[in-house]
Amino acid sequence: MGRVFRLSSLALKYLLGKFLCLFLLS
């Protein structure tokens, strides 16, 4: 359970960073 949660949180951080980069670049 903990591993899945860590993986999902990592993916969320990755997606958030991606959107932030796109927002800042545009």
PDB file of N, CA and C in Angstrom:
ATOM      1  N   MET A   1       0.832  -1.202   0.000  1.00  0.00           N
ATOM      2  CA  MET A   1       0.000   0.000   0.000  1.00  0.00           C
ATOM      3  C   MET A   1       0.869   1.257   0.000  1.00  0.00           C
ATOM      4  N   GLY A   2       1.894   1.247   0.839  1.00  0.00           N
ATOM      5  CA  GLY A   2       2.758   2.429   0.927  1.00  0.00           C
ATOM      6  C   GLY A   2       3.493   2.694  -0.377  1.00  0.00           C
ATOM      7  N   ARG A   3       3.915   1.590  -1.030  1.00  0.00           N
ATOM      8  CA  ARG A   3       4.665   1.748  -2.277  1.00  0.00           C
ATOM      9  C   ARG A   3       3.793   2.375  -3.361  1.00  0.00           C
ATOM     10  N   VAL A   4       2.537   1.927  -3.426  1.00  0.00           N
ATOM     11  CA  VAL A   4       1.614   2.455  -4.429  1.00  0.00           C
ATOM     12  C   VAL A   4       1.360   3.938  -4.183  1.00  0.00           C
ATOM     13  N   PHE A   5       1.184   4.289  -2.909  1.00  0.00           N
ATOM     14  CA  PHE A   5       0.932   5.688  -2.561  1.00  0.00           C
ATOM     15  C   PHE A   5       2.115   6.557  -2.953  1.00  0.00           C
ATOM     16  N   ARG A   6       3.325   6.054  -2.695  1.00  0.00           N
ATOM     17  CA  ARG A   6       4.530   6.810  -3.028  1.00  0.00           C
ATOM     18  C   ARG A   6       4.640   6.999  -4.536  1.00  0.00           C
ATOM     19  N   LEU A   7       4.309   5.926  -5.271  1.00  0.00           N
ATOM     20  CA  LEU A   7       4.374   5.989  -6.736  1.00  0.00           C
ATOM     21  C   LEU A   7       3.369   7.003  -7.281  1.00  0.00           C
ATOM     22  N   SER A   8       2.152   6.974  -6.754  1.00  0.00           N
ATOM     23  CA  SER A   8       1.118   7.887  -7.236  1.00  0.00           C
ATOM     24  C   SER A   8       1.476   9.328  -6.903  1.00  0.00           C
ATOM     25  N   SER A   9       2.031   9.556  -5.710  1.00  0.00           N
ATOM     26  CA  SER A   9       2.412  10.916  -5.323  1.00  0.00           C
ATOM     27  C   SER A   9       3.546  11.410  -6.206  1.00  0.00           C
ATOM     28  N   LEU A  10       4.466  10.510  -6.554  1.00  0.00           N
ATOM     29  CA  LEU A  10       5.577  10.885  -7.428  1.00  0.00           C
ATOM     30  C   LEU A  10       5.051  11.253  -8.812  1.00  0.00           C
ATOM     31  N   ALA A  11       4.100  10.472  -9.313  1.00  0.00           N
ATOM     32  CA  ALA A  11       3.508  10.753 -10.624  1.00  0.00           C
ATOM     33  C   ALA A  11       2.766  12.083 -10.587  1.00  0.00           C
ATOM     34  N   LEU A  12       2.069  12.358  -9.482  1.00  0.00           N
ATOM     35  CA  LEU A  12       1.347  13.620  -9.343  1.00  0.00           C
ATOM     36  C   LEU A  12       2.307  14.793  -9.376  1.00  0.00           C
ATOM     37  N   LYS A  13       3.422  14.664  -8.637  1.00  0.00           N
ATOM     38  CA  LYS A  13       4.427  15.732  -8.623  1.00  0.00           C
ATOM     39  C   LYS A  13       4.989  15.955 -10.022  1.00  0.00           C
ATOM     40  N   TYR A  14       5.227  14.857 -10.751  1.00  0.00           N
ATOM     41  CA  TYR A  14       5.761  14.949 -12.112  1.00  0.00           C
ATOM     42  C   TYR A  14       4.783  15.695 -13.023  1.00  0.00           C
ATOM     43  N   LEU A  15       3.493  15.322 -12.933  1.00  0.00           N
ATOM     44  CA  LEU A  15       2.484  15.964 -13.770  1.00  0.00           C
ATOM     45  C   LEU A  15       2.330  17.432 -13.408  1.00  0.00           C
ATOM     46  N   LEU A  16       2.332  17.735 -12.111  1.00  0.00           N
ATOM     47  CA  LEU A  16       2.210  19.122 -11.669  1.00  0.00           C
ATOM     48  C   LEU A  16       3.373  19.951 -12.186  1.00  0.00           C
ATOM     49  N   GLY A  17       4.580  19.398 -12.096  1.00  0.00           N
ATOM     50  CA  GLY A  17       5.764  20.107 -12.586  1.00  0.00           C
ATOM     51  C   GLY A  17       5.675  20.348 -14.079  1.00  0.00           C
ATOM     52  N   LYS A  18       5.173  19.353 -14.811  1.00  0.00           N
ATOM     53  CA  LYS A  18       5.031  19.473 -16.260  1.00  0.00           C
ATOM     54  C   LYS A  18       4.069  20.611 -16.598  1.00  0.00           C
ATOM     55  N   PHE A  19       2.916  20.636 -15.936  1.00  0.00           N
ATOM     56  CA  PHE A  19       1.929  21.680 -16.189  1.00  0.00           C
ATOM     57  C   PHE A  19       2.477  23.049 -15.805  1.00  0.00           C
ATOM     58  N   LEU A  20       3.226  23.106 -14.699  1.00  0.00           N
ATOM     59  CA  LEU A  20       3.802  24.368 -14.253  1.00  0.00           C
ATOM     60  C   LEU A  20       4.781  24.893 -15.286  1.00  0.00           C
ATOM     61  N   CYS A  21       5.620  23.993 -15.815  1.00  0.00           N
ATOM     62  CA  CYS A  21       6.592  24.387 -16.845  1.00  0.00           C
ATOM     63  C   CYS A  21       5.869  24.924 -18.072  1.00  0.00           C
ATOM     64  N   LEU A  22       4.825  24.218 -18.513  1.00  0.00           N
ATOM     65  CA  LEU A  22       4.070  24.657 -19.685  1.00  0.00           C
ATOM     66  C   LEU A  22       3.430  26.018 -19.433  1.00  0.00           C
ATOM     67  N   PHE A  23       2.905  26.219 -18.238  1.00  0.00           N
ATOM     68  CA  PHE A  23       2.251  27.481 -17.887  1.00  0.00           C
ATOM     69  C   PHE A  23       3.251  28.630 -17.872  1.00  0.00           C
ATOM     70  N   LEU A  24       4.455  28.359 -17.326  1.00  0.00           N
ATOM     71  CA  LEU A  24       5.480  29.400 -17.239  1.00  0.00           C
ATOM     72  C   LEU A  24       6.059  29.730 -18.606  1.00  0.00           C
ATOM     73  N   LEU A  25       6.192  28.722 -19.460  1.00  0.00           N
ATOM     74  CA  LEU A  25       6.789  28.938 -20.784  1.00  0.00           C
ATOM     75  C   LEU A  25       5.830  29.646 -21.732  1.00  0.00           C
ATOM     76  N   SER A  26       4.536  29.393 -21.575  1.00  0.00           N
ATOM     77  CA  SER A  26       3.571  29.989 -22.496  1.00  0.00           C
ATOM     78  C   SER A  26       3.382  31.478 -22.228  1.00  0.00           C
TER      79      SER A  26
END
